[in-house]
């Protein structure tokens, strides 16, 4: 809850200036979280194939966010 309060001004700035829907932030968070988890799995050498797939999925979700919400 504290992070939401601290970073609220960033959320409002992005919504006002880039016209991004609030639901899209959840999608971006999922992409970044899966990318971080995949990189963590790669660094820990835990099931490398799954870790690579999870990190690639995170990158694809972030690219999808850019092409769908930021470019048009």
PDB file of N, CA and C in Angstrom:
ATOM      1  N   UNK A   1       0.821  -1.189   0.000  1.00  0.00           N
ATOM      2  CA  UNK A   1       0.000   0.000   0.000  1.00  0.00           C
ATOM      3  C   UNK A   1       0.866   1.254   0.000  1.00  0.00           C
ATOM      4  N   UNK A   2       1.991   1.183   0.699  1.00  0.00           N
ATOM      5  CA  UNK A   2       2.877   2.333   0.760  1.00  0.00           C
ATOM      6  C   UNK A   2       3.478   2.630  -0.612  1.00  0.00           C
ATOM      7  N   UNK A   3       3.794   1.582  -1.393  1.00  0.00           N
ATOM      8  CA  UNK A   3       4.355   1.795  -2.732  1.00  0.00           C
ATOM      9  C   UNK A   3       3.349   2.485  -3.640  1.00  0.00           C
ATOM     10  N   UNK A   4       2.079   2.151  -3.489  1.00  0.00           N
ATOM     11  CA  UNK A   4       1.048   2.798  -4.297  1.00  0.00           C
ATOM     12  C   UNK A   4       0.984   4.283  -3.962  1.00  0.00           C
ATOM     13  N   UNK A   5       1.090   4.619  -2.700  1.00  0.00           N
ATOM     14  CA  UNK A   5       1.040   6.016  -2.282  1.00  0.00           C
ATOM     15  C   UNK A   5       2.282   6.773  -2.732  1.00  0.00           C
ATOM     16  N   UNK A   6       3.434   6.155  -2.614  1.00  0.00           N
ATOM     17  CA  UNK A   6       4.679   6.829  -2.976  1.00  0.00           C
ATOM     18  C   UNK A   6       4.769   7.058  -4.485  1.00  0.00           C
ATOM     19  N   UNK A   7       4.381   6.072  -5.272  1.00  0.00           N
ATOM     20  CA  UNK A   7       4.533   6.166  -6.722  1.00  0.00           C
ATOM     21  C   UNK A   7       3.258   6.605  -7.426  1.00  0.00           C
ATOM     22  N   UNK A   8       2.307   7.169  -6.701  1.00  0.00           N
ATOM     23  CA  UNK A   8       1.049   7.589  -7.303  1.00  0.00           C
ATOM     24  C   UNK A   8       1.264   8.713  -8.311  1.00  0.00           C
ATOM     25  N   UNK A   9       2.188   9.627  -8.043  1.00  0.00           N
ATOM     26  CA  UNK A   9       2.424  10.728  -8.965  1.00  0.00           C
ATOM     27  C   UNK A   9       2.968  10.235 -10.304  1.00  0.00           C
ATOM     28  N   UNK A  10       3.747   9.162 -10.291  1.00  0.00           N
ATOM     29  CA  UNK A  10       4.247   8.595 -11.549  1.00  0.00           C
ATOM     30  C   UNK A  10       3.098   7.990 -12.339  1.00  0.00           C
ATOM     31  N   UNK A  11       2.212   7.291 -11.646  1.00  0.00           N
ATOM     32  CA  UNK A  11       1.052   6.684 -12.305  1.00  0.00           C
ATOM     33  C   UNK A  11       0.166   7.757 -12.930  1.00  0.00           C
ATOM     34  N   UNK A  12      -0.082   8.832 -12.206  1.00  0.00           N
ATOM     35  CA  UNK A  12      -0.922   9.914 -12.723  1.00  0.00           C
ATOM     36  C   UNK A  12      -0.247  10.598 -13.906  1.00  0.00           C
ATOM     37  N   UNK A  13       1.059  10.811 -13.832  1.00  0.00           N
ATOM     38  CA  UNK A  13       1.793  11.436 -14.938  1.00  0.00           C
ATOM     39  C   UNK A  13       1.685  10.596 -16.205  1.00  0.00           C
ATOM     40  N   UNK A  14       1.878   9.283 -16.083  1.00  0.00           N
ATOM     41  CA  UNK A  14       1.822   8.405 -17.254  1.00  0.00           C
ATOM     42  C   UNK A  14       0.409   8.353 -17.816  1.00  0.00           C
ATOM     43  N   UNK A  15      -0.595   8.287 -16.949  1.00  0.00           N
ATOM     44  CA  UNK A  15      -1.978   8.243 -17.429  1.00  0.00           C
ATOM     45  C   UNK A  15      -2.336   9.531 -18.161  1.00  0.00           C
ATOM     46  N   UNK A  16      -1.931  10.684 -17.642  1.00  0.00           N
ATOM     47  CA  UNK A  16      -2.297  11.955 -18.251  1.00  0.00           C
ATOM     48  C   UNK A  16      -1.524  12.241 -19.533  1.00  0.00           C
ATOM     49  N   UNK A  17      -0.245  11.951 -19.558  1.00  0.00           N
ATOM     50  CA  UNK A  17       0.575  12.344 -20.699  1.00  0.00           C
ATOM     51  C   UNK A  17       0.662  11.286 -21.787  1.00  0.00           C
ATOM     52  N   UNK A  18       0.535  10.025 -21.441  1.00  0.00           N
ATOM     53  CA  UNK A  18       0.634   8.966 -22.443  1.00  0.00           C
ATOM     54  C   UNK A  18      -0.707   8.322 -22.756  1.00  0.00           C
ATOM     55  N   UNK A  19      -1.761   8.711 -22.062  1.00  0.00           N
ATOM     56  CA  UNK A  19      -3.114   8.173 -22.265  1.00  0.00           C
ATOM     57  C   UNK A  19      -3.147   6.654 -22.179  1.00  0.00           C
ATOM     58  N   UNK A  20      -2.552   6.109 -21.139  1.00  0.00           N
ATOM     59  CA  UNK A  20      -2.527   4.666 -20.922  1.00  0.00           C
ATOM     60  C   UNK A  20      -3.604   4.318 -19.904  1.00  0.00           C
ATOM     61  N   UNK A  21      -4.358   3.276 -20.203  1.00  0.00           N
ATOM     62  CA  UNK A  21      -5.416   2.843 -19.297  1.00  0.00           C
ATOM     63  C   UNK A  21      -4.814   2.237 -18.030  1.00  0.00           C
ATOM     64  N   UNK A  22      -5.475   2.410 -16.888  1.00  0.00           N
ATOM     65  CA  UNK A  22      -4.949   1.835 -15.638  1.00  0.00           C
ATOM     66  C   UNK A  22      -4.842   0.316 -15.672  1.00  0.00           C
ATOM     67  N   UNK A  23      -5.703  -0.348 -16.426  1.00  0.00           N
ATOM     68  CA  UNK A  23      -5.637  -1.808 -16.525  1.00  0.00           C
ATOM     69  C   UNK A  23      -4.344  -2.241 -17.208  1.00  0.00           C
ATOM     70  N   UNK A  24      -3.826  -1.400 -18.081  1.00  0.00           N
ATOM     71  CA  UNK A  24      -2.597  -1.733 -18.797  1.00  0.00           C
ATOM     72  C   UNK A  24      -1.397  -1.797 -17.858  1.00  0.00           C
ATOM     73  N   UNK A  25      -1.446  -1.071 -16.761  1.00  0.00           N
ATOM     74  CA  UNK A  25      -0.337  -1.131 -15.809  1.00  0.00           C
ATOM     75  C   UNK A  25      -0.207  -2.511 -15.194  1.00  0.00           C
ATOM     76  N   UNK A  26      -1.338  -3.185 -14.978  1.00  0.00           N
ATOM     77  CA  UNK A  26      -1.289  -4.545 -14.455  1.00  0.00           C
ATOM     78  C   UNK A  26      -0.616  -5.468 -15.461  1.00  0.00           C
ATOM     79  N   UNK A  27      -0.914  -5.270 -16.734  1.00  0.00           N
ATOM     80  CA  UNK A  27      -0.277  -6.079 -17.776  1.00  0.00           C
ATOM     81  C   UNK A  27       1.230  -5.820 -17.819  1.00  0.00           C
ATOM     82  N   UNK A  28       1.625  -4.569 -17.702  1.00  0.00           N
ATOM     83  CA  UNK A  28       3.048  -4.246 -17.686  1.00  0.00           C
ATOM     84  C   UNK A  28       3.725  -4.835 -16.452  1.00  0.00           C
ATOM     85  N   UNK A  29       3.050  -4.797 -15.312  1.00  0.00           N
ATOM     86  CA  UNK A  29       3.598  -5.386 -14.094  1.00  0.00           C
ATOM     87  C   UNK A  29       3.790  -6.891 -14.259  1.00  0.00           C
ATOM     88  N   UNK A  30       2.832  -7.565 -14.886  1.00  0.00           N
ATOM     89  CA  UNK A  30       2.977  -9.004 -15.127  1.00  0.00           C
ATOM     90  C   UNK A  30       4.178  -9.295 -16.023  1.00  0.00           C
ATOM     91  N   UNK A  31       4.356  -8.481 -17.048  1.00  0.00           N
ATOM     92  CA  UNK A  31       5.495  -8.673 -17.933  1.00  0.00           C
ATOM     93  C   UNK A  31       6.819  -8.470 -17.228  1.00  0.00           C
ATOM     94  N   UNK A  32       6.912  -7.406 -16.450  1.00  0.00           N
ATOM     95  CA  UNK A  32       8.163  -7.143 -15.732  1.00  0.00           C
ATOM     96  C   UNK A  32       8.426  -8.186 -14.654  1.00  0.00           C
ATOM     97  N   UNK A  33       7.368  -8.610 -13.968  1.00  0.00           N
ATOM     98  CA  UNK A  33       7.539  -9.615 -12.915  1.00  0.00           C
ATOM     99  C   UNK A  33       7.976 -10.953 -13.499  1.00  0.00           C
ATOM    100  N   UNK A  34       7.393 -11.352 -14.624  1.00  0.00           N
ATOM    101  CA  UNK A  34       7.801 -12.622 -15.223  1.00  0.00           C
ATOM    102  C   UNK A  34       9.220 -12.536 -15.771  1.00  0.00           C
ATOM    103  N   UNK A  35       9.603 -11.376 -16.300  1.00  0.00           N
ATOM    104  CA  UNK A  35      10.974 -11.206 -16.777  1.00  0.00           C
ATOM    105  C   UNK A  35      11.969 -11.320 -15.622  1.00  0.00           C
ATOM    106  N   UNK A  36      11.665 -10.663 -14.514  1.00  0.00           N
ATOM    107  CA  UNK A  36      12.557 -10.714 -13.350  1.00  0.00           C
ATOM    108  C   UNK A  36      12.639 -12.135 -12.792  1.00  0.00           C
ATOM    109  N   UNK A  37      11.501 -12.819 -12.721  1.00  0.00           N
ATOM    110  CA  UNK A  37      11.513 -14.204 -12.222  1.00  0.00           C
ATOM    111  C   UNK A  37      12.298 -15.120 -13.159  1.00  0.00           C
ATOM    112  N   UNK A  38      12.178 -14.898 -14.460  1.00  0.00           N
ATOM    113  CA  UNK A  38      12.939 -15.700 -15.411  1.00  0.00           C
ATOM    114  C   UNK A  38      14.432 -15.465 -15.297  1.00  0.00           C
ATOM    115  N   UNK A  39      14.829 -14.217 -15.154  1.00  0.00           N
ATOM    116  CA  UNK A  39      16.249 -13.902 -14.991  1.00  0.00           C
ATOM    117  C   UNK A  39      16.774 -14.489 -13.684  1.00  0.00           C
ATOM    118  N   UNK A  40      15.971 -14.417 -12.630  1.00  0.00           N
ATOM    119  CA  UNK A  40      16.369 -15.004 -11.349  1.00  0.00           C
ATOM    120  C   UNK A  40      16.559 -16.513 -11.492  1.00  0.00           C
ATOM    121  N   UNK A  41      15.667 -17.162 -12.220  1.00  0.00           N
ATOM    122  CA  UNK A  41      15.798 -18.601 -12.447  1.00  0.00           C
ATOM    123  C   UNK A  41      17.026 -18.947 -13.272  1.00  0.00           C
ATOM    124  N   UNK A  42      17.337 -18.101 -14.242  1.00  0.00           N
ATOM    125  CA  UNK A  42      18.535 -18.337 -15.054  1.00  0.00           C
ATOM    126  C   UNK A  42      19.792 -18.191 -14.190  1.00  0.00           C
ATOM    127  N   UNK A  43      19.821 -17.158 -13.358  1.00  0.00           N
ATOM    128  CA  UNK A  43      20.993 -16.946 -12.504  1.00  0.00           C
ATOM    129  C   UNK A  43      21.162 -18.057 -11.472  1.00  0.00           C
ATOM    130  N   UNK A  44      20.055 -18.597 -10.973  1.00  0.00           N
ATOM    131  CA  UNK A  44      20.120 -19.674  -9.989  1.00  0.00           C
ATOM    132  C   UNK A  44      20.298 -21.042 -10.647  1.00  0.00           C
ATOM    133  N   UNK A  45      20.262 -21.102 -11.971  1.00  0.00           N
ATOM    134  CA  UNK A  45      20.406 -22.349 -12.732  1.00  0.00           C
ATOM    135  C   UNK A  45      19.325 -23.370 -12.356  1.00  0.00           C
ATOM    136  N   UNK A  46      18.103 -22.891 -12.210  1.00  0.00           N
ATOM    137  CA  UNK A  46      16.973 -23.755 -11.884  1.00  0.00           C
ATOM    138  C   UNK A  46      16.147 -23.939 -13.150  1.00  0.00           C
ATOM    139  N   UNK A  47      16.149 -25.139 -13.696  1.00  0.00           N
ATOM    140  CA  UNK A  47      15.354 -25.486 -14.870  1.00  0.00           C
ATOM    141  C   UNK A  47      15.514 -24.418 -15.963  1.00  0.00           C
ATOM    142  N   UNK A  48      16.645 -24.413 -16.602  1.00  0.00           N
ATOM    143  CA  UNK A  48      17.023 -23.348 -17.528  1.00  0.00           C
ATOM    144  C   UNK A  48      16.019 -23.131 -18.651  1.00  0.00           C
ATOM    145  N   UNK A  49      15.470 -24.196 -19.201  1.00  0.00           N
ATOM    146  CA  UNK A  49      14.533 -24.036 -20.313  1.00  0.00           C
ATOM    147  C   UNK A  49      13.293 -23.264 -19.866  1.00  0.00           C
ATOM    148  N   UNK A  50      12.733 -23.631 -18.728  1.00  0.00           N
ATOM    149  CA  UNK A  50      11.559 -22.909 -18.229  1.00  0.00           C
ATOM    150  C   UNK A  50      11.906 -21.473 -17.860  1.00  0.00           C
ATOM    151  N   UNK A  51      13.071 -21.250 -17.306  1.00  0.00           N
ATOM    152  CA  UNK A  51      13.477 -19.894 -16.936  1.00  0.00           C
ATOM    153  C   UNK A  51      13.633 -19.013 -18.169  1.00  0.00           C
ATOM    154  N   UNK A  52      14.206 -19.570 -19.214  1.00  0.00           N
ATOM    155  CA  UNK A  52      14.354 -18.813 -20.461  1.00  0.00           C
ATOM    156  C   UNK A  52      12.991 -18.515 -21.068  1.00  0.00           C
ATOM    157  N   UNK A  53      12.088 -19.485 -21.050  1.00  0.00           N
ATOM    158  CA  UNK A  53      10.746 -19.265 -21.596  1.00  0.00           C
ATOM    159  C   UNK A  53       9.979 -18.209 -20.801  1.00  0.00           C
ATOM    160  N   UNK A  54      10.116 -18.225 -19.486  1.00  0.00           N
ATOM    161  CA  UNK A  54       9.426 -17.232 -18.654  1.00  0.00           C
ATOM    162  C   UNK A  54       9.982 -15.839 -18.908  1.00  0.00           C
ATOM    163  N   UNK A  55      11.294 -15.717 -19.027  1.00  0.00           N
ATOM    164  CA  UNK A  55      11.874 -14.400 -19.288  1.00  0.00           C
ATOM    165  C   UNK A  55      11.508 -13.907 -20.685  1.00  0.00           C
ATOM    166  N   UNK A  56      11.460 -14.788 -21.664  1.00  0.00           N
ATOM    167  CA  UNK A  56      11.031 -14.385 -23.008  1.00  0.00           C
ATOM    168  C   UNK A  56       9.562 -13.983 -23.026  1.00  0.00           C
ATOM    169  N   UNK A  57       8.740 -14.684 -22.270  1.00  0.00           N
ATOM    170  CA  UNK A  57       7.335 -14.307 -22.169  1.00  0.00           C
ATOM    171  C   UNK A  57       7.199 -12.916 -21.549  1.00  0.00           C
ATOM    172  N   UNK A  58       8.001 -12.622 -20.547  1.00  0.00           N
ATOM    173  CA  UNK A  58       7.983 -11.293 -19.946  1.00  0.00           C
ATOM    174  C   UNK A  58       8.379 -10.212 -20.932  1.00  0.00           C
ATOM    175  N   UNK A  59       9.391 -10.483 -21.737  1.00  0.00           N
ATOM    176  CA  UNK A  59       9.812  -9.518 -22.759  1.00  0.00           C
ATOM    177  C   UNK A  59       8.706  -9.329 -23.787  1.00  0.00           C
ATOM    178  N   UNK A  60       8.070 -10.411 -24.209  1.00  0.00           N
ATOM    179  CA  UNK A  60       6.989 -10.306 -25.191  1.00  0.00           C
ATOM    180  C   UNK A  60       5.796  -9.530 -24.639  1.00  0.00           C
ATOM    181  N   UNK A  61       5.480  -9.712 -23.373  1.00  0.00           N
ATOM    182  CA  UNK A  61       4.383  -8.956 -22.768  1.00  0.00           C
ATOM    183  C   UNK A  61       4.726  -7.469 -22.732  1.00  0.00           C
ATOM    184  N   UNK A  62       5.965  -7.131 -22.411  1.00  0.00           N
ATOM    185  CA  UNK A  62       6.378  -5.725 -22.388  1.00  0.00           C
ATOM    186  C   UNK A  62       6.368  -5.120 -23.790  1.00  0.00           C
ATOM    187  N   UNK A  63       6.800  -5.882 -24.781  1.00  0.00           N
ATOM    188  CA  UNK A  63       6.763  -5.403 -26.170  1.00  0.00           C
ATOM    189  C   UNK A  63       5.321  -5.217 -26.615  1.00  0.00           C
ATOM    190  N   UNK A  64       4.448  -6.146 -26.234  1.00  0.00           N
ATOM    191  CA  UNK A  64       3.026  -6.017 -26.539  1.00  0.00           C
ATOM    192  C   UNK A  64       2.458  -4.746 -25.911  1.00  0.00           C
ATOM    193  N   UNK A  65       2.852  -4.456 -24.680  1.00  0.00           N
ATOM    194  CA  UNK A  65       2.405  -3.236 -24.005  1.00  0.00           C
ATOM    195  C   UNK A  65       2.824  -2.005 -24.799  1.00  0.00           C
ATOM    196  N   UNK A  66       4.059  -1.978 -25.262  1.00  0.00           N
ATOM    197  CA  UNK A  66       4.552  -0.817 -26.012  1.00  0.00           C
ATOM    198  C   UNK A  66       3.792  -0.663 -27.319  1.00  0.00           C
ATOM    199  N   UNK A  67       3.599  -1.756 -28.065  1.00  0.00           N
ATOM    200  CA  UNK A  67       2.958  -1.656 -29.368  1.00  0.00           C
ATOM    201  C   UNK A  67       1.461  -1.392 -29.274  1.00  0.00           C
ATOM    202  N   UNK A  68       0.806  -1.892 -28.251  1.00  0.00           N
ATOM    203  CA  UNK A  68      -0.643  -1.712 -28.160  1.00  0.00           C
ATOM    204  C   UNK A  68      -1.010  -0.397 -27.483  1.00  0.00           C
ATOM    205  N   UNK A  69      -0.306  -0.031 -26.419  1.00  0.00           N
ATOM    206  CA  UNK A  69      -0.734   1.113 -25.624  1.00  0.00           C
ATOM    207  C   UNK A  69       0.060   2.387 -25.871  1.00  0.00           C
ATOM    208  N   UNK A  70       1.320   2.287 -26.226  1.00  0.00           N
ATOM    209  CA  UNK A  70       2.129   3.500 -26.339  1.00  0.00           C
ATOM    210  C   UNK A  70       2.290   4.009 -27.766  1.00  0.00           C
ATOM    211  N   UNK A  71       2.348   3.140 -28.750  1.00  0.00           N
ATOM    212  CA  UNK A  71       2.599   3.600 -30.112  1.00  0.00           C
ATOM    213  C   UNK A  71       1.399   4.239 -30.814  1.00  0.00           C
ATOM    214  N   UNK A  72       0.179   3.720 -30.659  1.00  0.00           N
ATOM    215  CA  UNK A  72      -0.927   4.343 -31.422  1.00  0.00           C
ATOM    216  C   UNK A  72      -1.244   5.716 -31.020  1.00  0.00           C
TER     217      UNK A  72
END
